[in-house]
């Protein structure tokens, strides 16, 4: 159904259907959600805890909040606003910081890595298998890092810090891919990878896939 051939109401319905589709995907790998993942991921503006502002600058669990972006401007492009140039869209960054403010800093860093990988999908807007595979390598590193601190850390003497996979959670996808344009880009990436079989990273190598210095955050 061509979106430019239907009315405003029809476009809203189509966008909702696209959102339902994108939430059903797992980016080529499976992940289970905890109850906390199933919670609504309403906008960061609606979830600002008492004592914090839209202007940002406050320190939360060691992270400096970026300002809350104007939704109209932020959602007018694929990549949105990243005022501190750290690769994470400002609204997503604020959401992750607030959501995991009571967890170990590594959990928020895991979320940031997944958000940066998701931005790479939008930046590349891959349509061919080769293009999608290049981006998927970045996404898989984020998944492996999360997987280590969810399922394998204890085996290697590190603490298990998270009970779910952030990038495959409904809450994260709803926040990261929150416009029709972003959903379409994600679906094109997912379609380009469909039908292929992928190997998995050895558990002993998963921690090394983290894009941040995990050993320093663990106090090693």
N, C-alpha and C. Protein backbone atom coordinates (compact mmCIF):
# COMPACT_ATOMS: atom_id res chain seq x y z
N UNK A 1 0.85 -1.19 0.00
CA UNK A 1 0.00 0.00 0.00
C UNK A 1 0.88 1.24 0.00
N UNK A 2 0.66 2.10 -0.96
CA UNK A 2 1.48 3.30 -1.08
C UNK A 2 1.03 4.33 -0.06
N UNK A 3 1.96 4.78 0.80
CA UNK A 3 1.60 5.72 1.85
C UNK A 3 1.22 7.09 1.29
N UNK A 4 1.77 7.44 0.13
CA UNK A 4 1.46 8.75 -0.42
C UNK A 4 0.12 8.77 -1.12
N UNK A 5 -0.59 7.66 -1.15
CA UNK A 5 -1.87 7.57 -1.83
C UNK A 5 -3.02 7.48 -0.86
N UNK A 6 -2.74 7.60 0.42
CA UNK A 6 -3.78 7.50 1.42
C UNK A 6 -3.79 8.74 2.29
N UNK A 7 -4.86 8.94 3.04
CA UNK A 7 -5.02 10.13 3.86
C UNK A 7 -4.20 10.09 5.12
N UNK A 8 -4.34 11.17 5.91
CA UNK A 8 -3.59 11.28 7.17
C UNK A 8 -3.92 10.13 8.09
N UNK A 9 -5.22 9.81 8.21
CA UNK A 9 -5.63 8.72 9.09
C UNK A 9 -5.04 7.41 8.62
N UNK A 10 -5.06 7.22 7.30
CA UNK A 10 -4.50 5.99 6.75
C UNK A 10 -3.01 5.87 6.99
N UNK A 11 -2.32 7.01 6.90
CA UNK A 11 -0.88 7.00 7.15
C UNK A 11 -0.58 6.62 8.59
N UNK A 12 -1.40 7.10 9.51
CA UNK A 12 -1.20 6.78 10.93
C UNK A 12 -1.38 5.28 11.15
N UNK A 13 -2.39 4.72 10.49
CA UNK A 13 -2.65 3.28 10.62
C UNK A 13 -1.50 2.49 10.03
N UNK A 14 -1.04 2.93 8.85
CA UNK A 14 0.07 2.23 8.20
C UNK A 14 1.33 2.28 9.05
N UNK A 15 1.57 3.44 9.65
CA UNK A 15 2.76 3.59 10.50
C UNK A 15 2.66 2.65 11.70
N UNK A 16 1.44 2.54 12.24
CA UNK A 16 1.24 1.65 13.39
C UNK A 16 1.49 0.21 13.00
N UNK A 17 1.06 -0.16 11.79
CA UNK A 17 1.28 -1.52 11.32
C UNK A 17 2.77 -1.79 11.12
N UNK A 18 3.47 -0.79 10.58
CA UNK A 18 4.91 -0.94 10.39
C UNK A 18 5.61 -1.10 11.73
N UNK A 19 5.16 -0.34 12.73
CA UNK A 19 5.76 -0.43 14.06
C UNK A 19 5.53 -1.82 14.64
N UNK A 20 4.33 -2.36 14.45
CA UNK A 20 4.04 -3.70 14.95
C UNK A 20 4.95 -4.73 14.30
N UNK A 21 5.23 -4.53 13.00
CA UNK A 21 6.11 -5.45 12.29
C UNK A 21 7.53 -5.39 12.83
N UNK A 22 8.05 -4.18 13.01
CA UNK A 22 9.44 -4.04 13.43
C UNK A 22 9.65 -4.61 14.83
N UNK A 23 8.64 -4.53 15.67
CA UNK A 23 8.78 -5.05 17.02
C UNK A 23 8.84 -6.57 17.04
N UNK A 24 8.40 -7.20 15.95
CA UNK A 24 8.40 -8.66 15.92
C UNK A 24 9.75 -9.23 15.50
N UNK A 25 10.63 -8.36 14.99
CA UNK A 25 11.94 -8.83 14.54
C UNK A 25 12.93 -8.93 15.67
N UNK A 26 13.95 -9.76 15.51
CA UNK A 26 15.01 -9.90 16.52
C UNK A 26 16.38 -9.73 15.90
N UNK A 27 16.46 -9.01 14.78
CA UNK A 27 17.72 -8.69 14.11
C UNK A 27 18.56 -9.93 13.85
N UNK A 28 17.90 -11.01 13.45
CA UNK A 28 18.64 -12.20 13.08
C UNK A 28 19.06 -13.08 14.22
N UNK A 29 18.78 -12.70 15.47
CA UNK A 29 19.10 -13.55 16.59
C UNK A 29 18.03 -13.38 17.66
N UNK A 30 17.86 -14.39 18.48
CA UNK A 30 16.78 -14.37 19.46
C UNK A 30 17.26 -13.80 20.77
N UNK A 31 16.31 -13.28 21.55
CA UNK A 31 16.62 -12.77 22.87
C UNK A 31 15.35 -12.74 23.69
N UNK A 32 15.44 -13.13 24.95
CA UNK A 32 14.27 -13.15 25.81
C UNK A 32 14.20 -11.87 26.61
N UNK A 33 13.00 -11.40 26.87
CA UNK A 33 12.81 -10.19 27.62
C UNK A 33 12.39 -10.48 29.04
N UNK A 34 12.85 -9.66 29.95
CA UNK A 34 12.37 -9.74 31.31
C UNK A 34 11.12 -8.89 31.40
N UNK A 35 10.45 -8.92 32.53
CA UNK A 35 9.26 -8.13 32.70
C UNK A 35 9.55 -6.65 32.54
N UNK A 36 10.75 -6.24 32.95
CA UNK A 36 11.09 -4.82 32.86
C UNK A 36 11.15 -4.36 31.42
N UNK A 37 11.49 -5.27 30.48
CA UNK A 37 11.57 -4.92 29.07
C UNK A 37 10.22 -4.65 28.47
N UNK A 38 9.20 -5.32 29.02
CA UNK A 38 7.87 -5.22 28.44
C UNK A 38 7.18 -3.92 28.81
N UNK A 39 7.78 -3.15 29.71
CA UNK A 39 7.19 -1.88 30.09
C UNK A 39 7.20 -0.92 28.91
N UNK A 40 6.26 -0.02 28.91
CA UNK A 40 6.17 0.95 27.83
C UNK A 40 7.42 1.82 27.78
N UNK A 41 7.87 2.12 26.56
CA UNK A 41 9.03 2.99 26.41
C UNK A 41 8.57 4.35 25.92
N UNK A 42 7.71 4.97 26.67
CA UNK A 42 7.22 6.29 26.32
C UNK A 42 8.40 7.25 26.19
N UNK A 43 8.16 8.39 25.58
CA UNK A 43 9.26 9.31 25.30
C UNK A 43 10.00 9.71 26.56
N UNK A 44 11.28 10.08 26.37
CA UNK A 44 12.09 10.50 27.50
C UNK A 44 11.46 11.70 28.19
N UNK A 45 10.77 12.55 27.41
CA UNK A 45 10.13 13.73 27.98
C UNK A 45 9.09 13.31 29.02
N UNK A 46 8.35 12.25 28.75
CA UNK A 46 7.30 11.81 29.64
C UNK A 46 7.86 11.06 30.85
N UNK A 47 9.10 10.59 30.74
CA UNK A 47 9.68 9.79 31.81
C UNK A 47 10.78 10.51 32.60
N UNK A 48 10.84 11.82 32.51
CA UNK A 48 11.87 12.55 33.24
C UNK A 48 11.59 12.45 34.74
N UNK A 49 12.48 11.84 35.49
CA UNK A 49 12.28 11.73 36.94
C UNK A 49 12.30 13.09 37.61
N UNK A 50 11.68 13.17 38.76
CA UNK A 50 11.65 14.42 39.50
C UNK A 50 13.08 14.88 39.80
N UNK A 51 13.32 16.17 39.64
CA UNK A 51 14.64 16.71 39.95
C UNK A 51 15.51 16.91 38.73
N UNK A 52 15.04 16.44 37.56
CA UNK A 52 15.81 16.59 36.34
C UNK A 52 15.06 17.49 35.36
N UNK A 53 15.78 18.03 34.38
CA UNK A 53 15.18 18.97 33.44
C UNK A 53 15.40 18.56 31.99
N UNK A 54 14.68 19.22 31.08
CA UNK A 54 14.87 18.99 29.65
C UNK A 54 16.20 19.56 29.16
N UNK A 55 16.71 20.55 29.90
CA UNK A 55 17.93 21.23 29.45
C UNK A 55 19.16 20.34 29.54
N UNK A 56 19.13 19.32 30.38
CA UNK A 56 20.26 18.42 30.51
C UNK A 56 21.40 19.01 31.33
N UNK A 57 22.55 18.34 31.30
CA UNK A 57 23.71 18.80 32.04
C UNK A 57 23.86 18.12 33.39
N UNK A 58 22.77 17.49 33.89
CA UNK A 58 22.86 16.80 35.17
C UNK A 58 23.65 15.50 35.02
N UNK A 59 24.28 15.08 36.10
CA UNK A 59 25.04 13.83 36.11
C UNK A 59 24.16 12.74 36.72
N UNK A 60 23.96 11.67 35.96
CA UNK A 60 23.14 10.55 36.43
C UNK A 60 23.97 9.27 36.32
N UNK A 61 24.28 8.69 37.44
CA UNK A 61 25.06 7.45 37.46
C UNK A 61 26.38 7.59 36.70
N UNK A 62 26.95 8.79 36.74
CA UNK A 62 28.22 9.03 36.07
C UNK A 62 28.10 9.50 34.63
N UNK A 63 26.88 9.61 34.12
CA UNK A 63 26.67 10.04 32.73
C UNK A 63 26.06 11.44 32.73
N UNK A 64 26.52 12.28 31.80
CA UNK A 64 25.97 13.62 31.67
C UNK A 64 24.79 13.61 30.70
N UNK A 65 23.65 14.06 31.17
CA UNK A 65 22.46 14.08 30.32
C UNK A 65 22.58 15.10 29.20
N UNK A 66 22.30 14.70 27.97
CA UNK A 66 22.22 15.69 26.90
C UNK A 66 20.88 16.39 27.02
N UNK A 67 20.69 17.53 26.37
CA UNK A 67 19.38 18.19 26.43
C UNK A 67 18.33 17.35 25.71
N UNK A 68 17.08 17.45 26.16
CA UNK A 68 16.01 16.74 25.47
C UNK A 68 15.72 17.46 24.16
N UNK A 69 15.80 16.77 23.02
CA UNK A 69 15.64 17.43 21.73
C UNK A 69 14.18 17.75 21.40
N UNK A 70 13.99 18.77 20.61
CA UNK A 70 12.66 19.09 20.11
C UNK A 70 12.20 17.91 19.25
N UNK A 71 11.09 17.24 19.63
CA UNK A 71 10.64 16.05 18.91
C UNK A 71 10.44 16.26 17.41
N UNK A 72 9.89 17.42 17.03
CA UNK A 72 9.64 17.67 15.61
C UNK A 72 10.94 17.72 14.82
N UNK A 73 11.94 18.38 15.38
CA UNK A 73 13.24 18.47 14.70
C UNK A 73 13.95 17.12 14.76
N UNK A 74 13.92 16.50 15.91
CA UNK A 74 14.61 15.23 16.13
C UNK A 74 14.07 14.12 15.22
N UNK A 75 12.78 14.14 14.99
CA UNK A 75 12.15 13.08 14.20
C UNK A 75 11.98 13.44 12.73
N UNK A 76 12.54 14.55 12.32
CA UNK A 76 12.41 14.97 10.92
C UNK A 76 13.44 14.32 10.01
N UNK A 77 14.46 13.70 10.60
CA UNK A 77 15.50 13.02 9.82
C UNK A 77 15.72 11.61 10.36
N UNK A 78 16.39 10.79 9.60
CA UNK A 78 16.67 9.42 10.04
C UNK A 78 17.52 9.38 11.30
N UNK A 79 18.57 10.17 11.34
CA UNK A 79 19.52 10.10 12.45
C UNK A 79 19.14 10.95 13.65
N UNK A 80 18.29 11.96 13.46
CA UNK A 80 17.87 12.78 14.58
C UNK A 80 19.00 13.63 15.14
N UNK A 81 18.87 14.05 16.38
CA UNK A 81 19.82 14.96 17.01
C UNK A 81 20.76 14.22 17.97
N UNK A 82 22.05 14.46 17.80
CA UNK A 82 23.08 13.90 18.68
C UNK A 82 23.99 15.05 19.06
N UNK A 83 23.57 15.85 20.04
CA UNK A 83 24.26 17.11 20.36
C UNK A 83 25.67 16.92 20.91
N UNK A 84 25.93 15.78 21.55
CA UNK A 84 27.28 15.57 22.11
C UNK A 84 28.15 14.68 21.20
N UNK A 85 27.62 14.35 20.03
CA UNK A 85 28.37 13.60 19.02
C UNK A 85 28.97 12.29 19.54
N UNK A 86 28.21 11.57 20.36
CA UNK A 86 28.70 10.29 20.86
C UNK A 86 28.09 9.10 20.13
N UNK A 87 27.36 9.38 19.05
CA UNK A 87 26.80 8.31 18.25
C UNK A 87 25.45 7.81 18.70
N UNK A 88 24.92 8.38 19.79
CA UNK A 88 23.61 7.97 20.31
C UNK A 88 22.66 9.16 20.19
N UNK A 89 21.50 8.94 19.61
CA UNK A 89 20.52 10.02 19.50
C UNK A 89 20.15 10.53 20.90
N UNK A 90 20.02 11.82 21.06
CA UNK A 90 19.85 12.41 22.39
C UNK A 90 18.65 11.87 23.16
N UNK A 91 17.51 11.69 22.49
CA UNK A 91 16.33 11.19 23.21
C UNK A 91 16.54 9.75 23.67
N UNK A 92 17.24 8.96 22.85
CA UNK A 92 17.53 7.57 23.21
C UNK A 92 18.56 7.53 24.34
N UNK A 93 19.54 8.41 24.28
CA UNK A 93 20.56 8.47 25.33
C UNK A 93 19.94 8.80 26.68
N UNK A 94 19.08 9.80 26.70
CA UNK A 94 18.41 10.17 27.95
C UNK A 94 17.57 9.01 28.47
N UNK A 95 16.87 8.34 27.57
CA UNK A 95 16.01 7.22 27.95
C UNK A 95 16.82 6.09 28.58
N UNK A 96 17.95 5.77 27.96
CA UNK A 96 18.81 4.69 28.48
C UNK A 96 19.40 5.07 29.85
N UNK A 97 19.84 6.32 29.97
CA UNK A 97 20.43 6.76 31.24
C UNK A 97 19.40 6.69 32.37
N UNK A 98 18.19 7.15 32.09
CA UNK A 98 17.16 7.11 33.12
C UNK A 98 16.71 5.68 33.42
N UNK A 99 16.54 4.89 32.37
CA UNK A 99 16.04 3.52 32.55
C UNK A 99 16.98 2.67 33.39
N UNK A 100 18.29 2.87 33.20
CA UNK A 100 19.27 2.02 33.90
C UNK A 100 20.08 2.79 34.94
N UNK A 101 19.53 3.87 35.45
CA UNK A 101 20.26 4.71 36.40
C UNK A 101 20.59 4.01 37.71
N UNK A 102 19.85 2.97 38.05
CA UNK A 102 20.11 2.24 39.30
C UNK A 102 20.91 0.96 39.08
N UNK A 103 21.34 0.75 37.84
CA UNK A 103 22.14 -0.44 37.51
C UNK A 103 23.61 -0.06 37.41
N UNK A 104 24.46 -1.07 37.24
CA UNK A 104 25.88 -0.83 37.02
C UNK A 104 26.05 0.00 35.75
N UNK A 105 27.04 0.87 35.73
CA UNK A 105 27.30 1.72 34.56
C UNK A 105 27.45 0.92 33.28
N UNK A 106 27.95 -0.30 33.40
CA UNK A 106 28.15 -1.14 32.22
C UNK A 106 26.83 -1.40 31.50
N UNK A 107 25.74 -1.50 32.23
CA UNK A 107 24.45 -1.76 31.60
C UNK A 107 24.07 -0.61 30.67
N UNK A 108 24.28 0.61 31.12
CA UNK A 108 24.00 1.77 30.27
C UNK A 108 24.94 1.79 29.07
N UNK A 109 26.20 1.43 29.28
CA UNK A 109 27.16 1.38 28.17
C UNK A 109 26.73 0.33 27.14
N UNK A 110 26.20 -0.78 27.61
CA UNK A 110 25.69 -1.80 26.70
C UNK A 110 24.56 -1.22 25.85
N UNK A 111 23.69 -0.45 26.51
CA UNK A 111 22.60 0.20 25.78
C UNK A 111 23.12 1.19 24.76
N UNK A 112 24.14 1.95 25.14
CA UNK A 112 24.75 2.91 24.20
C UNK A 112 25.33 2.19 22.98
N UNK A 113 26.00 1.07 23.22
CA UNK A 113 26.60 0.33 22.10
C UNK A 113 25.51 -0.15 21.14
N UNK A 114 24.42 -0.62 21.70
CA UNK A 114 23.31 -1.06 20.85
C UNK A 114 22.68 0.10 20.10
N UNK A 115 22.59 1.25 20.75
CA UNK A 115 22.00 2.43 20.11
C UNK A 115 22.90 2.92 18.97
N UNK A 116 24.22 2.88 19.19
CA UNK A 116 25.14 3.30 18.12
C UNK A 116 25.04 2.34 16.93
N UNK A 117 24.93 1.07 17.23
CA UNK A 117 24.79 0.08 16.15
C UNK A 117 23.49 0.33 15.37
N UNK A 118 22.44 0.66 16.09
CA UNK A 118 21.15 0.94 15.45
C UNK A 118 21.23 2.18 14.58
N UNK A 119 21.99 3.18 15.04
CA UNK A 119 22.18 4.38 14.23
C UNK A 119 22.93 4.06 12.94
N UNK A 120 23.84 3.08 13.01
CA UNK A 120 24.58 2.68 11.81
C UNK A 120 23.63 2.07 10.78
N UNK A 121 22.61 1.37 11.25
CA UNK A 121 21.60 0.82 10.34
C UNK A 121 20.92 1.97 9.60
N UNK A 122 20.52 2.98 10.36
CA UNK A 122 19.83 4.12 9.77
C UNK A 122 20.76 4.92 8.85
N UNK A 123 22.01 5.05 9.26
CA UNK A 123 22.97 5.82 8.47
C UNK A 123 23.25 5.14 7.13
N UNK A 124 23.39 3.82 7.16
CA UNK A 124 23.72 3.07 5.94
C UNK A 124 22.48 2.82 5.09
N UNK A 125 21.32 2.67 5.74
CA UNK A 125 20.07 2.32 5.04
C UNK A 125 20.35 1.22 4.01
N UNK A 126 20.90 0.09 4.45
CA UNK A 126 21.30 -0.97 3.52
C UNK A 126 20.12 -1.65 2.83
N UNK A 127 20.30 -1.95 1.55
CA UNK A 127 19.27 -2.65 0.78
C UNK A 127 19.77 -3.98 0.22
N UNK A 128 21.08 -4.13 0.08
CA UNK A 128 21.64 -5.37 -0.41
C UNK A 128 22.17 -6.20 0.75
N UNK A 129 22.37 -7.49 0.51
CA UNK A 129 22.88 -8.38 1.55
C UNK A 129 24.25 -7.92 2.02
N UNK A 130 25.12 -7.55 1.08
CA UNK A 130 26.48 -7.13 1.43
C UNK A 130 26.47 -5.88 2.31
N UNK A 131 25.62 -4.93 1.96
CA UNK A 131 25.53 -3.70 2.74
C UNK A 131 25.00 -3.98 4.14
N UNK A 132 23.96 -4.82 4.19
CA UNK A 132 23.34 -5.15 5.48
C UNK A 132 24.29 -5.95 6.36
N UNK A 133 25.07 -6.84 5.75
CA UNK A 133 25.99 -7.67 6.52
C UNK A 133 27.07 -6.84 7.20
N UNK A 134 27.54 -5.80 6.51
CA UNK A 134 28.57 -4.93 7.08
C UNK A 134 28.04 -4.24 8.34
N UNK A 135 26.80 -3.81 8.30
CA UNK A 135 26.19 -3.16 9.46
C UNK A 135 25.88 -4.19 10.54
N UNK A 136 25.50 -5.38 10.11
CA UNK A 136 25.13 -6.43 11.06
C UNK A 136 26.31 -6.84 11.93
N UNK A 137 27.51 -6.73 11.41
CA UNK A 137 28.70 -7.04 12.20
C UNK A 137 28.78 -6.13 13.42
N UNK A 138 28.42 -4.87 13.22
CA UNK A 138 28.43 -3.90 14.32
C UNK A 138 27.33 -4.24 15.32
N UNK A 139 26.16 -4.60 14.80
CA UNK A 139 25.04 -4.96 15.65
C UNK A 139 25.34 -6.23 16.45
N UNK A 140 26.01 -7.18 15.83
CA UNK A 140 26.31 -8.44 16.52
C UNK A 140 27.32 -8.25 17.64
N UNK A 141 28.22 -7.31 17.48
CA UNK A 141 29.16 -7.03 18.57
C UNK A 141 28.40 -6.48 19.78
N UNK A 142 27.42 -5.63 19.52
CA UNK A 142 26.60 -5.10 20.61
C UNK A 142 25.82 -6.23 21.28
N UNK A 143 25.31 -7.14 20.48
CA UNK A 143 24.56 -8.28 21.02
C UNK A 143 25.48 -9.17 21.85
N UNK A 144 26.68 -9.44 21.35
CA UNK A 144 27.63 -10.31 22.06
C UNK A 144 28.04 -9.70 23.39
N UNK A 145 28.28 -8.39 23.41
CA UNK A 145 28.66 -7.72 24.64
C UNK A 145 27.55 -7.87 25.68
N UNK A 146 26.32 -7.62 25.25
CA UNK A 146 25.15 -7.77 26.13
C UNK A 146 25.05 -9.20 26.61
N UNK A 147 25.24 -10.14 25.69
CA UNK A 147 25.14 -11.56 26.01
C UNK A 147 26.15 -11.98 27.07
N UNK A 148 27.35 -11.41 26.99
CA UNK A 148 28.39 -11.76 27.96
C UNK A 148 27.94 -11.41 29.38
N UNK A 149 27.48 -10.18 29.57
CA UNK A 149 27.10 -9.75 30.92
C UNK A 149 25.72 -10.25 31.34
N UNK A 150 25.05 -10.93 30.44
CA UNK A 150 23.75 -11.54 30.76
C UNK A 150 23.88 -13.03 31.07
N UNK A 151 24.74 -13.72 30.32
CA UNK A 151 24.76 -15.18 30.42
C UNK A 151 26.11 -15.83 30.69
N UNK A 152 27.21 -15.15 30.39
CA UNK A 152 28.51 -15.81 30.45
C UNK A 152 29.51 -15.21 31.45
N UNK A 153 29.25 -14.04 31.94
CA UNK A 153 30.22 -13.35 32.80
C UNK A 153 30.67 -14.18 33.99
N UNK A 154 29.73 -14.85 34.64
CA UNK A 154 30.05 -15.62 35.85
C UNK A 154 31.07 -16.71 35.58
N UNK A 155 30.99 -17.29 34.38
CA UNK A 155 31.91 -18.36 34.00
C UNK A 155 33.35 -17.85 33.98
N UNK A 156 33.52 -16.58 33.66
CA UNK A 156 34.86 -16.00 33.52
C UNK A 156 35.22 -15.07 34.68
N UNK A 157 34.51 -15.21 35.78
CA UNK A 157 34.86 -14.47 36.98
C UNK A 157 34.34 -13.06 37.06
N UNK A 158 33.43 -12.69 36.19
CA UNK A 158 32.84 -11.35 36.21
C UNK A 158 31.39 -11.43 36.70
N UNK A 159 30.84 -10.32 37.17
CA UNK A 159 29.45 -10.34 37.64
C UNK A 159 28.44 -10.31 36.49
N UNK A 160 27.34 -11.03 36.66
CA UNK A 160 26.22 -10.94 35.72
C UNK A 160 25.50 -9.65 36.06
N UNK A 161 25.34 -8.76 35.08
CA UNK A 161 24.83 -7.42 35.37
C UNK A 161 23.46 -7.11 34.77
N UNK A 162 22.98 -7.98 33.88
CA UNK A 162 21.72 -7.69 33.21
C UNK A 162 20.96 -8.99 32.95
N UNK A 163 19.64 -8.93 32.94
CA UNK A 163 18.84 -10.15 32.77
C UNK A 163 18.08 -10.19 31.45
N UNK A 164 18.38 -9.26 30.54
CA UNK A 164 17.69 -9.24 29.26
C UNK A 164 18.63 -8.66 28.19
N UNK A 165 18.21 -8.76 26.94
CA UNK A 165 18.99 -8.23 25.82
C UNK A 165 18.36 -6.91 25.38
N UNK A 166 19.07 -5.83 25.58
CA UNK A 166 18.51 -4.50 25.34
C UNK A 166 18.07 -4.30 23.90
N UNK A 167 18.95 -4.60 22.93
CA UNK A 167 18.64 -4.25 21.54
C UNK A 167 17.53 -5.07 20.92
N UNK A 168 17.17 -6.21 21.51
CA UNK A 168 16.06 -6.98 20.96
C UNK A 168 14.78 -6.77 21.77
N UNK A 169 14.83 -5.90 22.76
CA UNK A 169 13.64 -5.66 23.58
C UNK A 169 12.65 -4.75 22.87
N UNK A 170 11.39 -4.95 23.12
CA UNK A 170 10.35 -4.11 22.55
C UNK A 170 10.55 -2.66 22.98
N UNK A 171 10.91 -2.47 24.24
CA UNK A 171 11.09 -1.10 24.77
C UNK A 171 12.15 -0.34 23.97
N UNK A 172 13.29 -0.99 23.72
CA UNK A 172 14.37 -0.33 22.99
C UNK A 172 13.97 -0.06 21.55
N UNK A 173 13.41 -1.05 20.87
CA UNK A 173 13.04 -0.87 19.47
C UNK A 173 12.00 0.23 19.30
N UNK A 174 11.06 0.28 20.24
CA UNK A 174 10.03 1.32 20.17
C UNK A 174 10.65 2.70 20.30
N UNK A 175 11.69 2.82 21.11
CA UNK A 175 12.35 4.10 21.33
C UNK A 175 13.27 4.45 20.16
N UNK A 176 14.07 3.51 19.71
CA UNK A 176 15.07 3.76 18.67
C UNK A 176 14.44 3.93 17.30
N UNK A 177 13.49 3.08 16.96
CA UNK A 177 12.85 3.13 15.64
C UNK A 177 11.44 3.68 15.81
N UNK A 178 11.35 4.97 16.08
CA UNK A 178 10.10 5.57 16.52
C UNK A 178 9.37 6.38 15.46
N UNK A 179 9.85 6.35 14.22
CA UNK A 179 9.14 7.05 13.14
C UNK A 179 9.00 6.09 11.96
N UNK A 180 8.08 6.43 11.07
CA UNK A 180 7.86 5.58 9.90
C UNK A 180 9.13 5.44 9.08
N UNK A 181 9.85 6.53 8.91
CA UNK A 181 11.08 6.53 8.12
C UNK A 181 12.12 5.59 8.74
N UNK A 182 12.27 5.65 10.05
CA UNK A 182 13.24 4.79 10.74
C UNK A 182 12.82 3.33 10.70
N UNK A 183 11.53 3.09 10.83
CA UNK A 183 11.03 1.72 10.77
C UNK A 183 11.29 1.12 9.39
N UNK A 184 11.01 1.90 8.35
CA UNK A 184 11.22 1.41 6.98
C UNK A 184 12.69 1.07 6.75
N UNK A 185 13.59 1.90 7.26
CA UNK A 185 15.02 1.66 7.10
C UNK A 185 15.42 0.37 7.80
N UNK A 186 14.89 0.17 9.00
CA UNK A 186 15.20 -1.05 9.74
C UNK A 186 14.66 -2.28 9.02
N UNK A 187 13.44 -2.18 8.50
CA UNK A 187 12.83 -3.32 7.81
C UNK A 187 13.61 -3.69 6.55
N UNK A 188 14.13 -2.68 5.85
CA UNK A 188 14.93 -2.95 4.66
C UNK A 188 16.21 -3.70 5.03
N UNK A 189 16.82 -3.30 6.12
CA UNK A 189 18.03 -3.97 6.64
C UNK A 189 17.71 -5.41 7.01
N UNK A 190 16.61 -5.60 7.73
CA UNK A 190 16.23 -6.94 8.18
C UNK A 190 15.90 -7.85 6.99
N UNK A 191 15.20 -7.30 6.00
CA UNK A 191 14.83 -8.07 4.82
C UNK A 191 16.06 -8.50 4.04
N UNK A 192 17.06 -7.61 3.95
CA UNK A 192 18.28 -7.93 3.21
C UNK A 192 19.04 -9.09 3.83
N UNK A 193 18.86 -9.30 5.15
CA UNK A 193 19.57 -10.37 5.85
C UNK A 193 18.75 -11.65 5.97
N UNK A 194 17.49 -11.60 5.61
CA UNK A 194 16.61 -12.75 5.82
C UNK A 194 17.02 -13.96 5.01
N UNK A 195 16.83 -15.13 5.59
CA UNK A 195 17.12 -16.38 4.90
C UNK A 195 18.54 -16.86 5.01
N UNK A 196 19.40 -16.08 5.66
CA UNK A 196 20.80 -16.46 5.81
C UNK A 196 21.04 -17.12 7.17
N UNK A 197 22.11 -17.92 7.25
CA UNK A 197 22.49 -18.58 8.50
C UNK A 197 23.79 -17.95 8.99
N UNK A 198 23.83 -17.61 10.27
CA UNK A 198 25.00 -16.92 10.82
C UNK A 198 25.62 -17.72 11.96
N UNK A 199 26.93 -17.61 12.07
CA UNK A 199 27.62 -18.28 13.16
C UNK A 199 27.52 -17.46 14.43
N UNK A 200 28.04 -18.01 15.51
CA UNK A 200 28.00 -17.29 16.79
C UNK A 200 29.41 -17.10 17.32
N UNK A 201 29.58 -16.08 18.14
CA UNK A 201 30.87 -15.78 18.74
C UNK A 201 31.11 -16.68 19.94
N UNK A 202 32.33 -17.18 20.09
CA UNK A 202 32.65 -18.02 21.24
C UNK A 202 32.45 -17.21 22.52
N UNK A 203 31.98 -17.88 23.56
CA UNK A 203 31.70 -17.19 24.81
C UNK A 203 32.93 -16.49 25.37
N UNK A 204 34.11 -17.10 25.15
CA UNK A 204 35.35 -16.52 25.66
C UNK A 204 35.73 -15.23 24.95
N UNK A 205 35.10 -14.96 23.81
CA UNK A 205 35.42 -13.77 23.02
C UNK A 205 34.35 -12.69 23.08
N UNK A 206 33.26 -12.98 23.76
CA UNK A 206 32.14 -12.04 23.78
C UNK A 206 32.46 -10.73 24.51
N UNK A 207 33.18 -10.82 25.61
CA UNK A 207 33.50 -9.60 26.36
C UNK A 207 34.34 -8.65 25.51
N UNK A 208 35.17 -9.20 24.66
CA UNK A 208 36.04 -8.39 23.80
C UNK A 208 35.25 -7.63 22.74
N UNK A 209 33.99 -7.97 22.57
CA UNK A 209 33.16 -7.29 21.57
C UNK A 209 32.58 -5.99 22.11
N UNK A 210 32.71 -5.76 23.41
CA UNK A 210 32.22 -4.52 24.00
C UNK A 210 33.02 -3.34 23.44
N UNK A 211 32.37 -2.28 23.10
CA UNK A 211 33.05 -1.12 22.52
C UNK A 211 33.62 -0.19 23.59
N UNK A 212 33.33 -0.46 24.85
CA UNK A 212 33.84 0.33 25.97
C UNK A 212 34.84 -0.50 26.76
N UNK A 213 35.57 0.13 27.64
CA UNK A 213 36.59 -0.58 28.42
C UNK A 213 35.95 -1.22 29.66
N UNK A 214 35.39 -2.41 29.44
CA UNK A 214 34.67 -3.10 30.50
C UNK A 214 35.54 -3.36 31.73
N UNK A 215 36.81 -3.70 31.49
CA UNK A 215 37.68 -4.04 32.62
C UNK A 215 37.87 -2.85 33.56
N UNK A 216 37.91 -1.64 33.00
CA UNK A 216 38.08 -0.46 33.84
C UNK A 216 36.81 -0.19 34.65
N UNK A 217 35.66 -0.37 34.02
CA UNK A 217 34.39 -0.15 34.73
C UNK A 217 34.15 -1.21 35.79
N UNK A 218 34.79 -2.37 35.62
CA UNK A 218 34.68 -3.43 36.62
C UNK A 218 35.71 -3.26 37.72
N UNK A 219 36.59 -2.29 37.55
CA UNK A 219 37.61 -2.04 38.56
C UNK A 219 38.77 -2.99 38.53
N UNK A 220 39.00 -3.59 37.36
CA UNK A 220 40.09 -4.56 37.23
C UNK A 220 41.43 -3.83 37.10
